[in-house]
Amino acid sequence: MRMTERVTLSVIFGAVPICICFVAGWWISIPLVPESWIPLCGLAGFLVGVVVDILFLSTWVRHAYSMKPIVWMSVYLVYSVGMFGFFMGVPLFHVALAFPAGCFVGGWLVHRGADSTRMKKAAKDSAAFTTSVLAIVCVASAAIALASPSTGADLQGMLRLPFQVTPVMIMCLILGGGLSLLLLQWWLTLKSVELAYGYFAVRTSSSISA
């Protein structure tokens, strides 16, 4: 495994226990401790995540390409949930997850000795998964927007629009924007897998030749 892959996988894997432990420490402590202690509980959770990485991260990275797909799908879902919460339900930034997903799938295919035909099929399968997850995120985001009576005013103020945002406009934005995001997610995932596969294939060939 080359240094580029090792670093990328370390970042992808390493952030998961840190984020989960931090969020768990913060939210679990809310009903149990005084408000002034909550940040300390979050910090304690963060440190627990760091300890988990110290103990297990190198093993996870070493065996990353031999793990079952369900493990990586779970990691992707963790990031999706995290981004949904961090960006307060706005699905726009979820398309960025196509890049680490494509990077892993491309590297995994090269390590498995997959040819271009198998690569294209895996790219489509990956795009189907990432786009399906984004579709769920979009539905949840739309439900929140439609349920809130202040969505129109929030959009008007945020975008500094000189007109009132009506429910019809909101629905058009949800449908048009959501469809555009889904198409973009599909395309970015496909291209990310193809580019990562090409990059790692060339690097692997160069190493063998040398």
N, C-alpha and C. Protein backbone atom coordinates (compact mmCIF):
# COMPACT_ATOMS: atom_id res chain seq x y z
N MET A 1 0.85 -1.20 0.00
CA MET A 1 0.00 0.00 0.00
C MET A 1 0.88 1.25 0.00
N ARG A 2 0.64 2.16 -0.93
CA ARG A 2 1.45 3.35 -1.06
C ARG A 2 1.08 4.38 0.00
N MET A 3 2.00 5.35 0.19
CA MET A 3 1.81 6.35 1.23
C MET A 3 0.53 7.15 1.02
N THR A 4 0.22 7.48 -0.25
CA THR A 4 -0.99 8.25 -0.54
C THR A 4 -2.23 7.52 -0.04
N GLU A 5 -2.29 6.22 -0.33
CA GLU A 5 -3.43 5.42 0.12
C GLU A 5 -3.46 5.33 1.65
N ARG A 6 -2.32 5.11 2.25
CA ARG A 6 -2.26 4.95 3.71
C ARG A 6 -2.74 6.21 4.41
N VAL A 7 -2.31 7.36 3.92
CA VAL A 7 -2.72 8.63 4.54
C VAL A 7 -4.22 8.86 4.35
N THR A 8 -4.70 8.61 3.13
CA THR A 8 -6.12 8.82 2.85
C THR A 8 -6.99 7.91 3.70
N LEU A 9 -6.63 6.65 3.78
CA LEU A 9 -7.39 5.71 4.59
C LEU A 9 -7.32 6.04 6.07
N SER A 10 -6.17 6.52 6.51
CA SER A 10 -6.02 6.90 7.92
C SER A 10 -6.95 8.05 8.27
N VAL A 11 -7.07 9.02 7.37
CA VAL A 11 -7.96 10.16 7.62
C VAL A 11 -9.42 9.70 7.63
N ILE A 12 -9.79 8.87 6.64
CA ILE A 12 -11.17 8.41 6.52
C ILE A 12 -11.57 7.60 7.74
N PHE A 13 -10.73 6.65 8.12
CA PHE A 13 -11.03 5.80 9.27
C PHE A 13 -10.88 6.56 10.58
N GLY A 14 -9.80 7.33 10.69
CA GLY A 14 -9.46 7.95 11.96
C GLY A 14 -10.48 8.94 12.47
N ALA A 15 -11.16 9.62 11.56
CA ALA A 15 -12.13 10.62 11.99
C ALA A 15 -13.40 10.00 12.57
N VAL A 16 -13.68 8.74 12.21
CA VAL A 16 -14.95 8.12 12.62
C VAL A 16 -15.06 7.96 14.13
N PRO A 17 -14.13 7.26 14.81
CA PRO A 17 -14.28 7.12 16.27
C PRO A 17 -14.17 8.44 17.02
N ILE A 18 -13.37 9.37 16.50
CA ILE A 18 -13.24 10.66 17.17
C ILE A 18 -14.56 11.42 17.13
N CYS A 19 -15.18 11.47 15.96
CA CYS A 19 -16.46 12.18 15.83
C CYS A 19 -17.56 11.50 16.64
N ILE A 20 -17.64 10.17 16.54
CA ILE A 20 -18.69 9.45 17.25
C ILE A 20 -18.54 9.62 18.76
N CYS A 21 -17.34 9.46 19.26
CA CYS A 21 -17.11 9.56 20.71
C CYS A 21 -17.34 10.99 21.21
N PHE A 22 -16.94 11.97 20.40
CA PHE A 22 -17.15 13.37 20.80
C PHE A 22 -18.64 13.68 20.89
N VAL A 23 -19.39 13.32 19.85
CA VAL A 23 -20.83 13.59 19.84
C VAL A 23 -21.53 12.82 20.95
N ALA A 24 -21.12 11.56 21.15
CA ALA A 24 -21.73 10.74 22.21
C ALA A 24 -21.46 11.35 23.58
N GLY A 25 -20.21 11.75 23.80
CA GLY A 25 -19.86 12.34 25.09
C GLY A 25 -20.63 13.63 25.35
N TRP A 26 -20.83 14.42 24.30
CA TRP A 26 -21.55 15.69 24.45
C TRP A 26 -23.03 15.47 24.74
N TRP A 27 -23.71 14.69 23.89
CA TRP A 27 -25.16 14.56 24.00
C TRP A 27 -25.59 13.66 25.15
N ILE A 28 -24.85 12.62 25.43
CA ILE A 28 -25.21 11.75 26.54
C ILE A 28 -25.10 12.48 27.87
N SER A 29 -24.16 13.42 27.94
CA SER A 29 -23.93 14.12 29.20
C SER A 29 -24.99 15.19 29.50
N ILE A 30 -25.75 15.61 28.49
CA ILE A 30 -26.68 16.73 28.67
C ILE A 30 -27.66 16.51 29.82
N PRO A 31 -28.33 15.35 29.91
CA PRO A 31 -29.26 15.18 31.02
C PRO A 31 -28.60 14.71 32.32
N LEU A 32 -27.29 14.50 32.30
CA LEU A 32 -26.64 13.87 33.45
C LEU A 32 -25.75 14.81 34.26
N VAL A 33 -25.25 15.87 33.64
CA VAL A 33 -24.29 16.74 34.34
C VAL A 33 -24.71 18.19 34.20
N PRO A 34 -24.16 19.07 35.03
CA PRO A 34 -24.43 20.51 34.88
C PRO A 34 -23.99 21.00 33.50
N GLU A 35 -24.64 22.06 33.02
CA GLU A 35 -24.37 22.56 31.68
C GLU A 35 -22.91 22.93 31.47
N SER A 36 -22.26 23.44 32.52
CA SER A 36 -20.86 23.86 32.39
C SER A 36 -19.92 22.68 32.18
N TRP A 37 -20.38 21.48 32.51
CA TRP A 37 -19.54 20.29 32.35
C TRP A 37 -19.67 19.63 30.97
N ILE A 38 -20.69 20.02 30.23
CA ILE A 38 -20.95 19.34 28.96
C ILE A 38 -19.76 19.44 27.99
N PRO A 39 -19.15 20.62 27.80
CA PRO A 39 -17.97 20.66 26.92
C PRO A 39 -16.85 19.75 27.38
N LEU A 40 -16.68 19.60 28.68
CA LEU A 40 -15.64 18.71 29.20
C LEU A 40 -15.96 17.25 28.86
N CYS A 41 -17.25 16.90 28.92
CA CYS A 41 -17.65 15.54 28.55
C CYS A 41 -17.42 15.31 27.06
N GLY A 42 -17.69 16.34 26.25
CA GLY A 42 -17.41 16.23 24.83
C GLY A 42 -15.92 16.05 24.58
N LEU A 43 -15.09 16.80 25.31
CA LEU A 43 -13.64 16.67 25.18
C LEU A 43 -13.18 15.28 25.62
N ALA A 44 -13.79 14.77 26.69
CA ALA A 44 -13.44 13.42 27.14
C ALA A 44 -13.77 12.39 26.07
N GLY A 45 -14.92 12.56 25.42
CA GLY A 45 -15.28 11.66 24.33
C GLY A 45 -14.29 11.76 23.18
N PHE A 46 -13.87 12.98 22.88
CA PHE A 46 -12.88 13.20 21.83
C PHE A 46 -11.59 12.44 22.14
N LEU A 47 -11.14 12.53 23.38
CA LEU A 47 -9.90 11.84 23.78
C LEU A 47 -10.06 10.33 23.72
N VAL A 48 -11.25 9.85 24.06
CA VAL A 48 -11.51 8.41 23.94
C VAL A 48 -11.38 7.98 22.48
N GLY A 49 -11.91 8.80 21.57
CA GLY A 49 -11.78 8.50 20.14
C GLY A 49 -10.32 8.47 19.70
N VAL A 50 -9.51 9.38 20.24
CA VAL A 50 -8.08 9.40 19.92
C VAL A 50 -7.41 8.11 20.40
N VAL A 51 -7.77 7.69 21.60
CA VAL A 51 -7.20 6.44 22.14
C VAL A 51 -7.59 5.25 21.27
N VAL A 52 -8.84 5.22 20.83
CA VAL A 52 -9.29 4.14 19.93
C VAL A 52 -8.46 4.13 18.65
N ASP A 53 -8.18 5.30 18.11
CA ASP A 53 -7.36 5.38 16.90
C ASP A 53 -5.94 4.87 17.17
N ILE A 54 -5.38 5.25 18.30
CA ILE A 54 -4.03 4.82 18.64
C ILE A 54 -3.95 3.30 18.71
N LEU A 55 -4.99 2.69 19.24
CA LEU A 55 -4.99 1.24 19.44
C LEU A 55 -5.31 0.46 18.16
N PHE A 56 -6.19 0.99 17.33
CA PHE A 56 -6.73 0.17 16.24
C PHE A 56 -6.53 0.73 14.83
N LEU A 57 -6.18 2.01 14.69
CA LEU A 57 -6.17 2.61 13.36
C LEU A 57 -5.20 1.92 12.40
N SER A 58 -4.02 1.61 12.85
CA SER A 58 -3.04 0.98 11.96
C SER A 58 -3.55 -0.37 11.45
N THR A 59 -4.25 -1.11 12.31
CA THR A 59 -4.82 -2.39 11.89
C THR A 59 -5.93 -2.19 10.88
N TRP A 60 -6.78 -1.20 11.12
CA TRP A 60 -7.87 -0.92 10.18
C TRP A 60 -7.32 -0.56 8.80
N VAL A 61 -6.30 0.28 8.78
CA VAL A 61 -5.73 0.71 7.50
C VAL A 61 -5.08 -0.47 6.79
N ARG A 62 -4.38 -1.29 7.55
CA ARG A 62 -3.67 -2.43 6.95
C ARG A 62 -4.63 -3.42 6.30
N HIS A 63 -5.81 -3.58 6.90
CA HIS A 63 -6.77 -4.55 6.39
C HIS A 63 -7.95 -3.88 5.67
N ALA A 64 -7.79 -2.62 5.29
CA ALA A 64 -8.91 -1.85 4.72
C ALA A 64 -9.49 -2.51 3.48
N TYR A 65 -8.64 -2.97 2.59
CA TYR A 65 -9.12 -3.51 1.32
C TYR A 65 -9.66 -4.93 1.43
N SER A 66 -9.49 -5.55 2.59
CA SER A 66 -10.04 -6.89 2.78
C SER A 66 -11.32 -6.88 3.60
N MET A 67 -11.74 -5.71 4.04
CA MET A 67 -12.97 -5.60 4.82
C MET A 67 -14.19 -5.80 3.93
N LYS A 68 -15.28 -6.26 4.54
CA LYS A 68 -16.52 -6.45 3.81
C LYS A 68 -17.11 -5.10 3.42
N PRO A 69 -17.81 -5.04 2.30
CA PRO A 69 -18.40 -3.77 1.85
C PRO A 69 -19.30 -3.11 2.89
N ILE A 70 -19.95 -3.92 3.74
CA ILE A 70 -20.86 -3.35 4.73
C ILE A 70 -20.12 -2.43 5.70
N VAL A 71 -18.84 -2.72 5.94
CA VAL A 71 -18.05 -1.86 6.83
C VAL A 71 -17.89 -0.48 6.22
N TRP A 72 -17.53 -0.45 4.95
CA TRP A 72 -17.32 0.83 4.29
C TRP A 72 -18.62 1.57 4.05
N MET A 73 -19.68 0.83 3.81
CA MET A 73 -20.99 1.46 3.68
C MET A 73 -21.40 2.11 5.00
N SER A 74 -21.06 1.45 6.10
CA SER A 74 -21.36 2.01 7.43
C SER A 74 -20.55 3.27 7.68
N VAL A 75 -19.28 3.24 7.28
CA VAL A 75 -18.43 4.43 7.44
C VAL A 75 -19.01 5.59 6.64
N TYR A 76 -19.45 5.31 5.43
CA TYR A 76 -20.05 6.35 4.59
C TYR A 76 -21.30 6.92 5.24
N LEU A 77 -22.11 6.06 5.83
CA LEU A 77 -23.33 6.51 6.48
C LEU A 77 -23.02 7.39 7.70
N VAL A 78 -21.96 7.04 8.42
CA VAL A 78 -21.55 7.87 9.56
C VAL A 78 -21.22 9.28 9.10
N TYR A 79 -20.45 9.38 8.02
CA TYR A 79 -20.10 10.70 7.48
C TYR A 79 -21.34 11.44 6.99
N SER A 80 -22.27 10.71 6.38
CA SER A 80 -23.49 11.35 5.89
C SER A 80 -24.31 11.94 7.02
N VAL A 81 -24.46 11.16 8.09
CA VAL A 81 -25.20 11.65 9.25
C VAL A 81 -24.49 12.85 9.87
N GLY A 82 -23.16 12.76 9.96
CA GLY A 82 -22.40 13.86 10.52
C GLY A 82 -22.54 15.14 9.72
N MET A 83 -22.49 15.03 8.40
CA MET A 83 -22.63 16.21 7.56
C MET A 83 -24.04 16.77 7.61
N PHE A 84 -25.01 15.88 7.73
CA PHE A 84 -26.41 16.33 7.84
C PHE A 84 -26.59 17.19 9.08
N GLY A 85 -26.00 16.75 10.19
CA GLY A 85 -26.11 17.52 11.42
C GLY A 85 -25.25 18.78 11.40
N PHE A 86 -24.03 18.67 10.88
CA PHE A 86 -23.11 19.81 10.90
C PHE A 86 -23.62 20.96 10.05
N PHE A 87 -24.22 20.63 8.90
CA PHE A 87 -24.73 21.67 8.01
C PHE A 87 -26.23 21.89 8.19
N MET A 88 -26.74 21.44 9.33
CA MET A 88 -28.12 21.71 9.74
C MET A 88 -29.15 21.32 8.69
N GLY A 89 -28.95 20.13 8.12
CA GLY A 89 -29.93 19.59 7.19
C GLY A 89 -29.80 20.04 5.76
N VAL A 90 -28.84 20.90 5.45
CA VAL A 90 -28.64 21.35 4.06
C VAL A 90 -27.86 20.28 3.31
N PRO A 91 -28.43 19.69 2.26
CA PRO A 91 -27.78 18.55 1.60
C PRO A 91 -26.72 18.92 0.58
N LEU A 92 -26.52 20.20 0.34
CA LEU A 92 -25.63 20.65 -0.73
C LEU A 92 -24.23 20.06 -0.61
N PHE A 93 -23.71 20.00 0.62
CA PHE A 93 -22.31 19.63 0.81
C PHE A 93 -22.09 18.11 0.82
N HIS A 94 -23.17 17.34 0.79
CA HIS A 94 -23.02 15.89 0.80
C HIS A 94 -22.35 15.35 -0.47
N VAL A 95 -22.43 16.11 -1.55
CA VAL A 95 -21.82 15.64 -2.79
C VAL A 95 -20.31 15.48 -2.64
N ALA A 96 -19.72 16.19 -1.66
CA ALA A 96 -18.27 16.10 -1.45
C ALA A 96 -17.85 14.70 -1.01
N LEU A 97 -18.77 13.93 -0.46
CA LEU A 97 -18.45 12.57 -0.01
C LEU A 97 -18.16 11.64 -1.18
N ALA A 98 -18.49 12.07 -2.39
CA ALA A 98 -18.19 11.24 -3.56
C ALA A 98 -16.69 11.05 -3.73
N PHE A 99 -15.90 12.03 -3.32
CA PHE A 99 -14.45 11.96 -3.55
C PHE A 99 -13.76 10.90 -2.68
N PRO A 100 -13.95 10.89 -1.35
CA PRO A 100 -13.32 9.80 -0.58
C PRO A 100 -13.89 8.44 -0.93
N ALA A 101 -15.19 8.38 -1.25
CA ALA A 101 -15.79 7.10 -1.64
C ALA A 101 -15.14 6.58 -2.92
N GLY A 102 -14.99 7.45 -3.90
CA GLY A 102 -14.36 7.06 -5.15
C GLY A 102 -12.90 6.69 -4.99
N CYS A 103 -12.22 7.41 -4.10
CA CYS A 103 -10.80 7.13 -3.85
C CYS A 103 -10.62 5.72 -3.28
N PHE A 104 -11.47 5.36 -2.33
CA PHE A 104 -11.36 4.02 -1.75
C PHE A 104 -11.71 2.95 -2.76
N VAL A 105 -12.82 3.11 -3.46
CA VAL A 105 -13.26 2.08 -4.41
C VAL A 105 -12.22 1.88 -5.51
N GLY A 106 -11.65 2.99 -5.99
CA GLY A 106 -10.62 2.87 -7.02
C GLY A 106 -9.41 2.11 -6.53
N GLY A 107 -8.95 2.42 -5.31
CA GLY A 107 -7.81 1.70 -4.74
C GLY A 107 -8.14 0.24 -4.49
N TRP A 108 -9.34 -0.01 -3.99
CA TRP A 108 -9.78 -1.39 -3.72
C TRP A 108 -9.79 -2.22 -5.00
N LEU A 109 -10.27 -1.63 -6.11
CA LEU A 109 -10.32 -2.34 -7.38
C LEU A 109 -8.93 -2.70 -7.89
N VAL A 110 -8.00 -1.76 -7.75
CA VAL A 110 -6.64 -2.02 -8.20
C VAL A 110 -6.01 -3.14 -7.38
N HIS A 111 -6.21 -3.11 -6.07
CA HIS A 111 -5.64 -4.14 -5.21
C HIS A 111 -6.27 -5.50 -5.48
N ARG A 112 -7.51 -5.52 -5.99
CA ARG A 112 -8.17 -6.78 -6.33
C ARG A 112 -7.87 -7.22 -7.76
N GLY A 113 -7.08 -6.43 -8.48
CA GLY A 113 -6.72 -6.79 -9.84
C GLY A 113 -7.87 -6.69 -10.82
N ALA A 114 -8.80 -5.79 -10.59
CA ALA A 114 -9.97 -5.65 -11.45
C ALA A 114 -9.60 -5.01 -12.78
N ASP A 115 -10.24 -5.47 -13.84
CA ASP A 115 -10.03 -4.86 -15.15
C ASP A 115 -10.98 -3.69 -15.35
N SER A 116 -10.91 -3.05 -16.50
CA SER A 116 -11.72 -1.85 -16.73
C SER A 116 -13.21 -2.15 -16.75
N THR A 117 -13.59 -3.33 -17.21
CA THR A 117 -15.01 -3.69 -17.24
C THR A 117 -15.57 -3.80 -15.83
N ARG A 118 -14.84 -4.47 -14.98
CA ARG A 118 -15.28 -4.60 -13.59
C ARG A 118 -15.26 -3.24 -12.89
N MET A 119 -14.27 -2.42 -13.25
CA MET A 119 -14.19 -1.09 -12.66
C MET A 119 -15.43 -0.27 -12.98
N LYS A 120 -15.89 -0.31 -14.22
CA LYS A 120 -17.05 0.47 -14.62
C LYS A 120 -18.31 0.00 -13.88
N LYS A 121 -18.44 -1.32 -13.70
CA LYS A 121 -19.58 -1.85 -12.97
C LYS A 121 -19.53 -1.42 -11.50
N ALA A 122 -18.34 -1.51 -10.90
CA ALA A 122 -18.19 -1.11 -9.51
C ALA A 122 -18.45 0.39 -9.34
N ALA A 123 -18.04 1.17 -10.33
CA ALA A 123 -18.29 2.61 -10.27
C ALA A 123 -19.78 2.91 -10.28
N LYS A 124 -20.53 2.18 -11.12
CA LYS A 124 -21.98 2.38 -11.17
C LYS A 124 -22.65 1.94 -9.87
N ASP A 125 -22.17 0.81 -9.32
CA ASP A 125 -22.73 0.35 -8.05
C ASP A 125 -22.45 1.36 -6.93
N SER A 126 -21.25 1.91 -6.93
CA SER A 126 -20.89 2.91 -5.92
C SER A 126 -21.74 4.17 -6.08
N ALA A 127 -21.92 4.58 -7.33
CA ALA A 127 -22.73 5.77 -7.59
C ALA A 127 -24.18 5.55 -7.17
N ALA A 128 -24.68 4.34 -7.38
CA ALA A 128 -26.04 4.03 -6.98
C ALA A 128 -26.19 4.13 -5.46
N PHE A 129 -25.18 3.65 -4.73
CA PHE A 129 -25.24 3.70 -3.26
C PHE A 129 -25.16 5.13 -2.76
N THR A 130 -24.16 5.89 -3.21
CA THR A 130 -23.99 7.25 -2.71
C THR A 130 -25.18 8.13 -3.08
N THR A 131 -25.72 7.92 -4.28
CA THR A 131 -26.88 8.71 -4.70
C THR A 131 -28.12 8.33 -3.92
N SER A 132 -28.26 7.06 -3.57
CA SER A 132 -29.40 6.63 -2.76
C SER A 132 -29.35 7.25 -1.37
N VAL A 133 -28.16 7.28 -0.80
CA VAL A 133 -28.01 7.91 0.52
C VAL A 133 -28.35 9.39 0.43
N LEU A 134 -27.86 10.06 -0.61
CA LEU A 134 -28.16 11.47 -0.78
C LEU A 134 -29.66 11.70 -0.99
N ALA A 135 -30.32 10.78 -1.67
CA ALA A 135 -31.76 10.91 -1.87
C ALA A 135 -32.50 10.90 -0.54
N ILE A 136 -32.06 10.02 0.38
CA ILE A 136 -32.66 9.98 1.72
C ILE A 136 -32.41 11.30 2.45
N VAL A 137 -31.20 11.81 2.32
CA VAL A 137 -30.85 13.08 2.95
C VAL A 137 -31.72 14.21 2.39
N CYS A 138 -31.91 14.21 1.07
CA CYS A 138 -32.74 15.25 0.45
C CYS A 138 -34.18 15.19 0.92
N VAL A 139 -34.71 13.97 1.06
CA VAL A 139 -36.08 13.82 1.54
C VAL A 139 -36.20 14.34 2.97
N ALA A 140 -35.23 14.00 3.81
CA ALA A 140 -35.26 14.48 5.19
C ALA A 140 -35.14 16.00 5.24
N SER A 141 -34.25 16.56 4.42
CA SER A 141 -34.07 18.00 4.36
C SER A 141 -35.34 18.69 3.88
N ALA A 142 -35.99 18.11 2.87
CA ALA A 142 -37.23 18.68 2.34
C ALA A 142 -38.34 18.65 3.39
N ALA A 143 -38.41 17.55 4.14
CA ALA A 143 -39.43 17.45 5.18
C ALA A 143 -39.25 18.52 6.24
N ILE A 144 -38.01 18.78 6.62
CA ILE A 144 -37.72 19.80 7.61
C ILE A 144 -38.09 21.19 7.07
N ALA A 145 -37.71 21.43 5.81
CA ALA A 145 -37.99 22.74 5.21
C ALA A 145 -39.49 23.00 5.08
N LEU A 146 -40.23 21.98 4.67
CA LEU A 146 -41.66 22.15 4.47
C LEU A 146 -42.42 22.24 5.79
N ALA A 147 -41.87 21.61 6.83
CA ALA A 147 -42.54 21.63 8.13
C ALA A 147 -42.30 22.94 8.88
N SER A 148 -41.23 23.65 8.52
CA SER A 148 -40.92 24.89 9.23
C SER A 148 -41.66 26.07 8.60
N PRO A 149 -42.39 26.84 9.39
CA PRO A 149 -43.11 28.00 8.84
C PRO A 149 -42.19 29.16 8.47
N SER A 150 -40.95 29.09 8.92
CA SER A 150 -40.03 30.22 8.67
C SER A 150 -39.08 29.98 7.51
N THR A 151 -39.26 28.88 6.78
CA THR A 151 -38.33 28.56 5.70
C THR A 151 -38.29 29.66 4.64
N GLY A 152 -39.46 30.14 4.23
CA GLY A 152 -39.51 31.19 3.22
C GLY A 152 -38.79 32.44 3.66
N ALA A 153 -39.05 32.87 4.89
CA ALA A 153 -38.39 34.07 5.42
C ALA A 153 -36.89 33.85 5.58
N ASP A 154 -36.51 32.64 5.99
CA ASP A 154 -35.07 32.33 6.15
C ASP A 154 -34.35 32.42 4.81
N LEU A 155 -34.96 31.87 3.76
CA LEU A 155 -34.35 31.93 2.42
C LEU A 155 -34.29 33.37 1.92
N GLN A 156 -35.34 34.10 2.16
CA GLN A 156 -35.38 35.48 1.71
C GLN A 156 -34.28 36.30 2.37
N GLY A 157 -34.11 36.10 3.67
CA GLY A 157 -33.07 36.84 4.38
C GLY A 157 -31.68 36.38 4.03
N MET A 158 -31.48 35.05 3.92
CA MET A 158 -30.15 34.51 3.65
C MET A 158 -29.66 34.91 2.26
N LEU A 159 -30.56 34.88 1.28
CA LEU A 159 -30.19 35.21 -0.10
C LEU A 159 -30.43 36.68 -0.44
N ARG A 160 -30.98 37.43 0.52
CA ARG A 160 -31.27 38.85 0.33
C ARG A 160 -32.16 39.09 -0.89
N LEU A 161 -33.21 38.33 -0.96
CA LEU A 161 -34.13 38.44 -2.09
C LEU A 161 -35.07 39.62 -1.92
N PRO A 162 -35.36 40.32 -2.99
CA PRO A 162 -36.25 41.49 -2.89
C PRO A 162 -37.73 41.13 -2.95
N PHE A 163 -38.05 39.84 -2.92
CA PHE A 163 -39.44 39.40 -3.01
C PHE A 163 -39.70 38.32 -1.97
N GLN A 164 -40.95 38.08 -1.71
CA GLN A 164 -41.34 37.06 -0.73
C GLN A 164 -41.25 35.67 -1.34
N VAL A 165 -40.68 34.75 -0.60
CA VAL A 165 -40.54 33.37 -1.06
C VAL A 165 -41.81 32.61 -0.69
N THR A 166 -42.49 32.09 -1.70
CA THR A 166 -43.76 31.41 -1.50
C THR A 166 -43.55 29.90 -1.36
N PRO A 167 -44.54 29.17 -0.84
CA PRO A 167 -44.43 27.70 -0.74
C PRO A 167 -44.19 27.04 -2.09
N VAL A 168 -44.77 27.59 -3.16
CA VAL A 168 -44.55 27.03 -4.49
C VAL A 168 -43.09 27.16 -4.89
N MET A 169 -42.50 28.31 -4.60
CA MET A 169 -41.09 28.52 -4.90
C MET A 169 -40.22 27.54 -4.11
N ILE A 170 -40.57 27.34 -2.86
CA ILE A 170 -39.81 26.41 -2.02
C ILE A 170 -39.88 25.00 -2.60
N MET A 171 -41.07 24.59 -3.02
CA MET A 171 -41.23 23.26 -3.61
C MET A 171 -40.44 23.12 -4.90
N CYS A 172 -40.44 24.15 -5.73
CA CYS A 172 -39.65 24.11 -6.97
C CYS A 172 -38.16 24.02 -6.67
N LEU A 173 -37.74 24.75 -5.65
CA LEU A 173 -36.33 24.71 -5.25
C LEU A 173 -35.95 23.32 -4.75
N ILE A 174 -36.84 22.73 -3.98
CA ILE A 174 -36.57 21.39 -3.44
C ILE A 174 -36.47 20.37 -4.57
N LEU A 175 -37.43 20.40 -5.50
CA LEU A 175 -37.44 19.43 -6.59
C LEU A 175 -36.28 19.65 -7.56
N GLY A 176 -36.11 20.91 -8.00
CA GLY A 176 -35.05 21.21 -8.95
C GLY A 176 -33.66 21.04 -8.35
N GLY A 177 -33.49 21.59 -7.15
CA GLY A 177 -32.19 21.48 -6.49
C GLY A 177 -31.86 20.05 -6.12
N GLY A 178 -32.86 19.32 -5.61
CA GLY A 178 -32.63 17.93 -5.23
C GLY A 178 -32.24 17.07 -6.41
N LEU A 179 -32.95 17.22 -7.52
CA LEU A 179 -32.62 16.43 -8.72
C LEU A 179 -31.22 16.77 -9.23
N SER A 180 -30.87 18.04 -9.21
CA SER A 180 -29.53 18.46 -9.66
C SER A 180 -28.44 17.86 -8.78
N LEU A 181 -28.69 17.85 -7.46
CA LEU A 181 -27.70 17.28 -6.54
C LEU A 181 -27.54 15.78 -6.76
N LEU A 182 -28.63 15.09 -7.01
CA LEU A 182 -28.56 13.65 -7.23
C LEU A 182 -27.78 13.33 -8.50
N LEU A 183 -28.03 14.09 -9.56
CA LEU A 183 -27.29 13.87 -10.81
C LEU A 183 -25.80 14.18 -10.62
N LEU A 184 -25.52 15.26 -9.88
CA LEU A 184 -24.13 15.62 -9.62
C LEU A 184 -23.43 14.56 -8.77
N GLN A 185 -24.13 14.05 -7.78
CA GLN A 185 -23.57 13.00 -6.92
C GLN A 185 -23.23 11.76 -7.75
N TRP A 186 -24.13 11.35 -8.62
CA TRP A 186 -23.90 10.19 -9.48
C TRP A 186 -22.66 10.40 -10.34
N TRP A 187 -22.59 11.55 -11.00
CA TRP A 187 -21.47 11.83 -11.91
C TRP A 187 -20.15 11.92 -11.16
N LEU A 188 -20.14 12.61 -10.02
CA LEU A 188 -18.90 12.77 -9.26
C LEU A 188 -18.39 11.43 -8.73
N THR A 189 -19.30 10.57 -8.30
CA THR A 189 -18.87 9.26 -7.81
C THR A 189 -18.27 8.44 -8.93
N LEU A 190 -18.93 8.42 -10.08
CA LEU A 190 -18.39 7.70 -11.23
C LEU A 190 -16.99 8.19 -11.58
N LYS A 191 -16.84 9.50 -11.71
CA LYS A 191 -15.55 10.07 -12.10
C LYS A 191 -14.49 9.85 -11.04
N SER A 192 -14.88 9.92 -9.77
CA SER A 192 -13.91 9.72 -8.68
C SER A 192 -13.37 8.30 -8.70
N VAL A 193 -14.25 7.33 -8.92
CA VAL A 193 -13.79 5.94 -9.00
C VAL A 193 -12.87 5.75 -10.19
N GLU A 194 -13.25 6.27 -11.35
CA GLU A 194 -12.45 6.12 -12.56
C GLU A 194 -11.08 6.77 -12.41
N LEU A 195 -11.04 7.99 -11.86
CA LEU A 195 -9.77 8.69 -11.70
C LEU A 195 -8.87 8.00 -10.68
N ALA A 196 -9.46 7.57 -9.56
CA ALA A 196 -8.68 6.88 -8.53
C ALA A 196 -8.15 5.55 -9.07
N TYR A 197 -8.98 4.83 -9.80
CA TYR A 197 -8.55 3.56 -10.39
C TYR A 197 -7.38 3.80 -11.35
N GLY A 198 -7.50 4.80 -12.21
CA GLY A 198 -6.43 5.08 -13.15
C GLY A 198 -5.15 5.50 -12.44
N TYR A 199 -5.28 6.32 -11.40
CA TYR A 199 -4.10 6.80 -10.67
C TYR A 199 -3.38 5.64 -9.99
N PHE A 200 -4.13 4.83 -9.24
CA PHE A 200 -3.49 3.75 -8.49
C PHE A 200 -2.99 2.65 -9.42
N ALA A 201 -3.67 2.45 -10.54
CA ALA A 201 -3.21 1.43 -11.50
C ALA A 201 -1.86 1.83 -12.08
N VAL A 202 -1.73 3.09 -12.44
CA VAL A 202 -0.46 3.57 -13.00
C VAL A 202 0.65 3.49 -11.97
N ARG A 203 0.34 3.90 -10.73
CA ARG A 203 1.36 3.86 -9.67
C ARG A 203 1.79 2.43 -9.37
N THR A 204 0.83 1.52 -9.39
CA THR A 204 1.14 0.12 -9.11
C THR A 204 1.99 -0.48 -10.22
N SER A 205 1.65 -0.13 -11.46
CA SER A 205 2.44 -0.62 -12.61
C SER A 205 3.86 -0.10 -12.57
N SER A 206 4.00 1.18 -12.18
CA SER A 206 5.33 1.78 -12.09
C SER A 206 6.17 1.09 -11.03
N SER A 207 5.53 0.74 -9.92
CA SER A 207 6.25 0.08 -8.83
C SER A 207 6.73 -1.31 -9.25
N ILE A 208 5.86 -2.02 -9.99
CA ILE A 208 6.22 -3.36 -10.46
C ILE A 208 7.37 -3.30 -11.46
N SER A 209 7.28 -2.31 -12.37
CA SER A 209 8.32 -2.16 -13.39
C SER A 209 9.67 -1.82 -12.77
N ALA A 210 9.61 -0.96 -11.71
CA ALA A 210 10.84 -0.57 -11.05
C ALA A 210 11.46 -1.74 -10.31
